[in-house]
Amino acid sequence: MPVRVLVALSIDAVGAARIPEVLAAAGLEVTLVCPANRAALSSRYVTRHIPAGPDIAAVHTGLEEHVAAYPDR
């Protein structure tokens, strides 16, 4: 079973978009919580996308909801 990491992004920056690649190179499976229009979503290293609203508060809420829905992961 792969080791999974959950990443939450609210910003749209080149550095942030590279995070999935770095994590995948370390052998991790990347799930991304972020708005639909973020550059990181175009990364082939993102295994799963959890949609969130456009600002940091909405990303925080999306992250909390996902963690609450899957407490044993």
C-alpha atoms as a PDB file:
ATOM      1  CA  MET A   1       0.000   0.000   0.000  1.00  0.00           C
ATOM      2  CA  PRO A   2       1.476   3.381  -0.989  1.00  0.00           C
ATOM      3  CA  VAL A   3       2.125   6.068   1.557  1.00  0.00           C
ATOM      4  CA  ARG A   4      -0.306   8.915   0.964  1.00  0.00           C
ATOM      5  CA  VAL A   5       0.130  12.594   1.687  1.00  0.00           C
ATOM      6  CA  LEU A   6      -2.613  15.204   1.774  1.00  0.00           C
ATOM      7  CA  VAL A   7      -1.570  18.658   0.558  1.00  0.00           C
ATOM      8  CA  ALA A   8      -3.716  21.776   0.876  1.00  0.00           C
ATOM      9  CA  LEU A   9      -2.925  24.756  -1.355  1.00  0.00           C
ATOM     10  CA  SER A  10      -4.677  28.089  -1.541  1.00  0.00           C
ATOM     11  CA  ILE A  11      -2.020  29.978  -3.498  1.00  0.00           C
ATOM     12  CA  ASP A  12      -1.248  29.627  -7.194  1.00  0.00           C
ATOM     13  CA  ALA A  13       2.517  29.878  -7.463  1.00  0.00           C
ATOM     14  CA  VAL A  14       5.176  28.062  -9.459  1.00  0.00           C
ATOM     15  CA  GLY A  15       6.889  26.792  -6.307  1.00  0.00           C
ATOM     16  CA  ALA A  16       3.631  25.432  -4.915  1.00  0.00           C
ATOM     17  CA  ALA A  17       2.895  23.708  -8.222  1.00  0.00           C
ATOM     18  CA  ARG A  18       6.147  21.745  -7.895  1.00  0.00           C
ATOM     19  CA  ILE A  19       5.294  20.262  -4.495  1.00  0.00           C
ATOM     20  CA  PRO A  20       3.475  17.175  -5.897  1.00  0.00           C
ATOM     21  CA  GLU A  21       6.484  16.228  -8.031  1.00  0.00           C
ATOM     22  CA  VAL A  22       8.888  16.436  -5.094  1.00  0.00           C
ATOM     23  CA  LEU A  23       6.596  14.344  -2.899  1.00  0.00           C
ATOM     24  CA  ALA A  24       6.057  11.744  -5.625  1.00  0.00           C
ATOM     25  CA  ALA A  25       9.828  11.490  -6.122  1.00  0.00           C
ATOM     26  CA  ALA A  26      10.020  10.578  -2.432  1.00  0.00           C
ATOM     27  CA  GLY A  27       7.597   7.723  -3.118  1.00  0.00           C
ATOM     28  CA  LEU A  28       4.420   9.354  -1.846  1.00  0.00           C
ATOM     29  CA  GLU A  29       0.955   9.348  -3.417  1.00  0.00           C
ATOM     30  CA  VAL A  30      -0.320  12.945  -3.526  1.00  0.00           C
ATOM     31  CA  THR A  31      -3.885  14.065  -2.844  1.00  0.00           C
ATOM     32  CA  LEU A  32      -4.422  17.776  -3.347  1.00  0.00           C
ATOM     33  CA  VAL A  33      -7.048  19.971  -1.668  1.00  0.00           C
ATOM     34  CA  CYS A  34      -7.294  23.221  -3.625  1.00  0.00           C
ATOM     35  CA  PRO A  35      -9.467  25.376  -5.877  1.00  0.00           C
ATOM     36  CA  ALA A  36      -9.986  24.054  -9.396  1.00  0.00           C
ATOM     37  CA  ASN A  37      -7.884  26.726 -11.096  1.00  0.00           C
ATOM     38  CA  ARG A  38      -4.517  26.091  -9.410  1.00  0.00           C
ATOM     39  CA  ALA A  39      -1.427  25.254 -11.472  1.00  0.00           C
ATOM     40  CA  ALA A  40      -0.546  22.320  -9.196  1.00  0.00           C
ATOM     41  CA  LEU A  41      -3.560  20.450 -10.569  1.00  0.00           C
ATOM     42  CA  SER A  42      -1.873  20.162 -13.936  1.00  0.00           C
ATOM     43  CA  SER A  43       0.881  18.088 -12.335  1.00  0.00           C
ATOM     44  CA  ARG A  44       0.892  14.454 -13.410  1.00  0.00           C
ATOM     45  CA  TYR A  45       1.980  13.634  -9.857  1.00  0.00           C
ATOM     46  CA  VAL A  46      -1.384  14.513  -8.295  1.00  0.00           C
ATOM     47  CA  THR A  47      -3.258  11.261  -7.752  1.00  0.00           C
ATOM     48  CA  ARG A  48      -6.484  12.781  -6.485  1.00  0.00           C
ATOM     49  CA  HIS A  49      -8.038  16.252  -6.316  1.00  0.00           C
ATOM     50  CA  ILE A  50     -10.429  17.354  -3.600  1.00  0.00           C
ATOM     51  CA  PRO A  51     -12.134  20.540  -4.801  1.00  0.00           C
ATOM     52  CA  ALA A  52     -12.188  23.554  -2.509  1.00  0.00           C
ATOM     53  CA  GLY A  53     -13.400  27.136  -2.752  1.00  0.00           C
ATOM     54  CA  PRO A  54     -11.290  30.014  -4.033  1.00  0.00           C
ATOM     55  CA  ASP A  55      -9.803  31.376  -0.797  1.00  0.00           C
ATOM     56  CA  ILE A  56      -7.775  30.102   2.139  1.00  0.00           C
ATOM     57  CA  ALA A  57     -10.816  29.758   4.409  1.00  0.00           C
ATOM     58  CA  ALA A  58     -12.544  27.525   1.852  1.00  0.00           C
ATOM     59  CA  VAL A  59      -9.414  25.396   1.428  1.00  0.00           C
ATOM     60  CA  HIS A  60      -9.206  25.038   5.213  1.00  0.00           C
ATOM     61  CA  THR A  61     -12.850  23.960   5.334  1.00  0.00           C
ATOM     62  CA  GLY A  62     -12.305  21.455   2.520  1.00  0.00           C
ATOM     63  CA  LEU A  63      -9.325  20.000   4.353  1.00  0.00           C
ATOM     64  CA  GLU A  64     -11.259  19.706   7.621  1.00  0.00           C
ATOM     65  CA  GLU A  65     -14.185  18.020   5.863  1.00  0.00           C
ATOM     66  CA  HIS A  66     -11.941  15.503   4.137  1.00  0.00           C
ATOM     67  CA  VAL A  67     -10.081  14.618   7.343  1.00  0.00           C
ATOM     68  CA  ALA A  68     -13.389  14.228   9.211  1.00  0.00           C
ATOM     69  CA  ALA A  69     -14.755  11.962   6.475  1.00  0.00           C
ATOM     70  CA  TYR A  70     -11.690   9.672   6.581  1.00  0.00           C
ATOM     71  CA  PRO A  71     -10.442   9.702  10.196  1.00  0.00           C
ATOM     72  CA  ASP A  72      -8.606   6.384   9.913  1.00  0.00           C
ATOM     73  CA  ARG A  73      -6.386   7.321   6.959  1.00  0.00           C
END
